[in-house]
Amino acid sequence: MRLLLTEAMGERLFPNWAMLDDTAPSQFWSAQDVVKGALETASPEELRAPFVRLAAANPG
């Protein structure tokens, strides 16, 4: 595991979700994308986007 982005957040994206024992949804990067270096070349916006989409799909 490697930290790719750290920044201050104004609010929690998932205030009511503990995220324990949950699998990553398919809207995150595939194993092939990771091997090809997608995370190392992603912009901060690209790194944040799957989490923002997940939070929008699971409000509250």
N, C-alpha and C. Protein backbone atom coordinates (compact mmCIF):
# COMPACT_ATOMS: atom_id res chain seq x y z
N MET A 1 0.84 -1.15 0.00
CA MET A 1 0.00 0.00 0.00
C MET A 1 0.90 1.23 0.00
N ARG A 2 0.50 2.22 -0.81
CA ARG A 2 1.25 3.47 -0.91
C ARG A 2 0.29 4.64 -0.92
N LEU A 3 0.61 5.67 -0.20
CA LEU A 3 -0.19 6.89 -0.18
C LEU A 3 0.09 7.67 -1.46
N LEU A 4 -0.96 7.97 -2.22
CA LEU A 4 -0.80 8.69 -3.48
C LEU A 4 -1.29 10.13 -3.41
N LEU A 5 -2.15 10.42 -2.45
CA LEU A 5 -2.70 11.77 -2.35
C LEU A 5 -3.08 12.05 -0.91
N THR A 6 -2.72 13.20 -0.43
CA THR A 6 -3.15 13.64 0.89
C THR A 6 -3.57 15.09 0.79
N GLU A 7 -4.75 15.40 1.29
CA GLU A 7 -5.23 16.77 1.25
C GLU A 7 -6.32 16.94 2.30
N ALA A 8 -6.54 18.16 2.71
CA ALA A 8 -7.59 18.46 3.69
C ALA A 8 -8.95 18.34 3.01
N MET A 9 -9.91 17.82 3.76
CA MET A 9 -11.27 17.67 3.25
C MET A 9 -12.20 18.52 4.10
N GLY A 10 -13.15 19.18 3.47
CA GLY A 10 -14.11 19.99 4.20
C GLY A 10 -15.15 19.17 4.92
N GLU A 11 -15.43 17.99 4.40
CA GLU A 11 -16.43 17.11 5.02
C GLU A 11 -16.09 15.66 4.66
N ARG A 12 -16.58 14.73 5.45
CA ARG A 12 -16.36 13.32 5.18
C ARG A 12 -17.20 12.89 3.98
N LEU A 13 -16.61 12.13 3.07
CA LEU A 13 -17.36 11.63 1.92
C LEU A 13 -18.32 10.53 2.33
N PHE A 14 -17.96 9.73 3.33
CA PHE A 14 -18.76 8.58 3.75
C PHE A 14 -19.00 8.63 5.25
N PRO A 15 -19.81 9.56 5.73
CA PRO A 15 -19.94 9.75 7.18
C PRO A 15 -20.55 8.57 7.93
N ASN A 16 -21.36 7.75 7.29
CA ASN A 16 -22.02 6.66 7.98
C ASN A 16 -21.54 5.28 7.56
N TRP A 17 -20.38 5.19 6.93
CA TRP A 17 -19.89 3.92 6.39
C TRP A 17 -18.54 3.60 7.01
N ALA A 18 -18.46 2.50 7.73
CA ALA A 18 -17.21 2.10 8.38
C ALA A 18 -16.19 1.54 7.38
N MET A 19 -16.66 1.04 6.23
CA MET A 19 -15.82 0.47 5.16
C MET A 19 -15.05 -0.78 5.58
N LEU A 20 -15.45 -1.42 6.64
CA LEU A 20 -14.77 -2.62 7.09
C LEU A 20 -15.26 -3.82 6.29
N ASP A 21 -14.33 -4.62 5.81
CA ASP A 21 -14.63 -5.86 5.09
C ASP A 21 -15.45 -5.66 3.82
N ASP A 22 -15.41 -4.49 3.24
CA ASP A 22 -16.10 -4.23 1.99
C ASP A 22 -15.11 -4.36 0.84
N THR A 23 -15.56 -4.96 -0.26
CA THR A 23 -14.70 -5.06 -1.43
C THR A 23 -14.79 -3.76 -2.23
N ALA A 24 -13.75 -3.47 -2.98
CA ALA A 24 -13.74 -2.26 -3.81
C ALA A 24 -14.70 -2.43 -4.97
N PRO A 25 -15.57 -1.47 -5.19
CA PRO A 25 -16.49 -1.56 -6.32
C PRO A 25 -15.75 -1.45 -7.65
N SER A 26 -16.39 -1.87 -8.71
CA SER A 26 -15.75 -1.90 -10.03
C SER A 26 -15.43 -0.52 -10.59
N GLN A 27 -15.90 0.54 -9.97
CA GLN A 27 -15.60 1.87 -10.49
C GLN A 27 -14.18 2.33 -10.14
N PHE A 28 -13.47 1.52 -9.37
CA PHE A 28 -12.07 1.79 -9.10
C PHE A 28 -11.22 1.20 -10.21
N TRP A 29 -9.92 1.32 -10.15
CA TRP A 29 -9.04 0.87 -11.22
C TRP A 29 -8.95 -0.65 -11.25
N SER A 30 -8.82 -1.19 -12.45
CA SER A 30 -8.65 -2.63 -12.60
C SER A 30 -7.21 -3.00 -12.23
N ALA A 31 -6.99 -4.28 -11.98
CA ALA A 31 -5.63 -4.75 -11.68
C ALA A 31 -4.70 -4.45 -12.85
N GLN A 32 -5.21 -4.58 -14.07
CA GLN A 32 -4.39 -4.29 -15.26
C GLN A 32 -3.99 -2.82 -15.31
N ASP A 33 -4.93 -1.93 -14.99
CA ASP A 33 -4.62 -0.49 -14.97
C ASP A 33 -3.55 -0.18 -13.93
N VAL A 34 -3.65 -0.81 -12.78
CA VAL A 34 -2.67 -0.59 -11.71
C VAL A 34 -1.29 -1.05 -12.16
N VAL A 35 -1.22 -2.23 -12.77
CA VAL A 35 0.06 -2.76 -13.24
C VAL A 35 0.67 -1.85 -14.30
N LYS A 36 -0.19 -1.25 -15.12
CA LYS A 36 0.28 -0.35 -16.19
C LYS A 36 0.68 1.03 -15.68
N GLY A 37 0.49 1.28 -14.37
CA GLY A 37 0.93 2.55 -13.79
C GLY A 37 -0.12 3.64 -13.72
N ALA A 38 -1.39 3.28 -13.83
CA ALA A 38 -2.44 4.30 -13.84
C ALA A 38 -2.44 5.16 -12.58
N LEU A 39 -2.14 4.57 -11.45
CA LEU A 39 -2.17 5.34 -10.20
C LEU A 39 -0.99 6.31 -10.11
N GLU A 40 0.14 5.90 -10.62
CA GLU A 40 1.32 6.77 -10.56
C GLU A 40 1.20 7.97 -11.50
N THR A 41 0.43 7.83 -12.57
CA THR A 41 0.30 8.92 -13.54
C THR A 41 -0.99 9.72 -13.38
N ALA A 42 -1.85 9.30 -12.47
CA ALA A 42 -3.14 9.97 -12.28
C ALA A 42 -2.96 11.33 -11.61
N SER A 43 -3.80 12.26 -12.02
CA SER A 43 -3.82 13.58 -11.38
C SER A 43 -4.57 13.48 -10.05
N PRO A 44 -4.45 14.47 -9.19
CA PRO A 44 -5.23 14.46 -7.94
C PRO A 44 -6.74 14.31 -8.20
N GLU A 45 -7.23 14.96 -9.24
CA GLU A 45 -8.66 14.85 -9.56
C GLU A 45 -9.03 13.43 -9.96
N GLU A 46 -8.17 12.77 -10.73
CA GLU A 46 -8.42 11.38 -11.14
C GLU A 46 -8.35 10.43 -9.95
N LEU A 47 -7.47 10.70 -9.00
CA LEU A 47 -7.38 9.87 -7.81
C LEU A 47 -8.61 10.04 -6.92
N ARG A 48 -9.13 11.24 -6.86
CA ARG A 48 -10.28 11.55 -6.01
C ARG A 48 -11.60 11.10 -6.63
N ALA A 49 -11.71 11.10 -7.94
CA ALA A 49 -12.97 10.88 -8.66
C ALA A 49 -13.72 9.61 -8.27
N PRO A 50 -13.10 8.43 -8.17
CA PRO A 50 -13.88 7.23 -7.81
C PRO A 50 -14.52 7.36 -6.44
N PHE A 51 -13.86 8.00 -5.52
CA PHE A 51 -14.40 8.19 -4.18
C PHE A 51 -15.58 9.16 -4.19
N VAL A 52 -15.47 10.21 -4.99
CA VAL A 52 -16.57 11.17 -5.11
C VAL A 52 -17.78 10.49 -5.74
N ARG A 53 -17.56 9.67 -6.80
CA ARG A 53 -18.66 8.94 -7.43
C ARG A 53 -19.31 7.96 -6.45
N LEU A 54 -18.49 7.26 -5.69
CA LEU A 54 -19.01 6.30 -4.71
C LEU A 54 -19.82 7.01 -3.63
N ALA A 55 -19.34 8.15 -3.16
CA ALA A 55 -20.07 8.93 -2.14
C ALA A 55 -21.39 9.43 -2.70
N ALA A 56 -21.42 9.86 -3.96
CA ALA A 56 -22.66 10.36 -4.57
C ALA A 56 -23.67 9.24 -4.74
N ALA A 57 -23.20 8.04 -4.99
CA ALA A 57 -24.09 6.89 -5.18
C ALA A 57 -24.60 6.34 -3.85
N ASN A 58 -23.93 6.69 -2.74
CA ASN A 58 -24.30 6.19 -1.41
C ASN A 58 -24.40 7.34 -0.42
N PRO A 59 -25.34 8.26 -0.62
CA PRO A 59 -25.42 9.42 0.29
C PRO A 59 -25.79 9.03 1.71
N GLY A 60 -25.31 9.86 2.64
CA GLY A 60 -25.67 9.68 4.05
C GLY A 60 -24.88 8.64 4.67
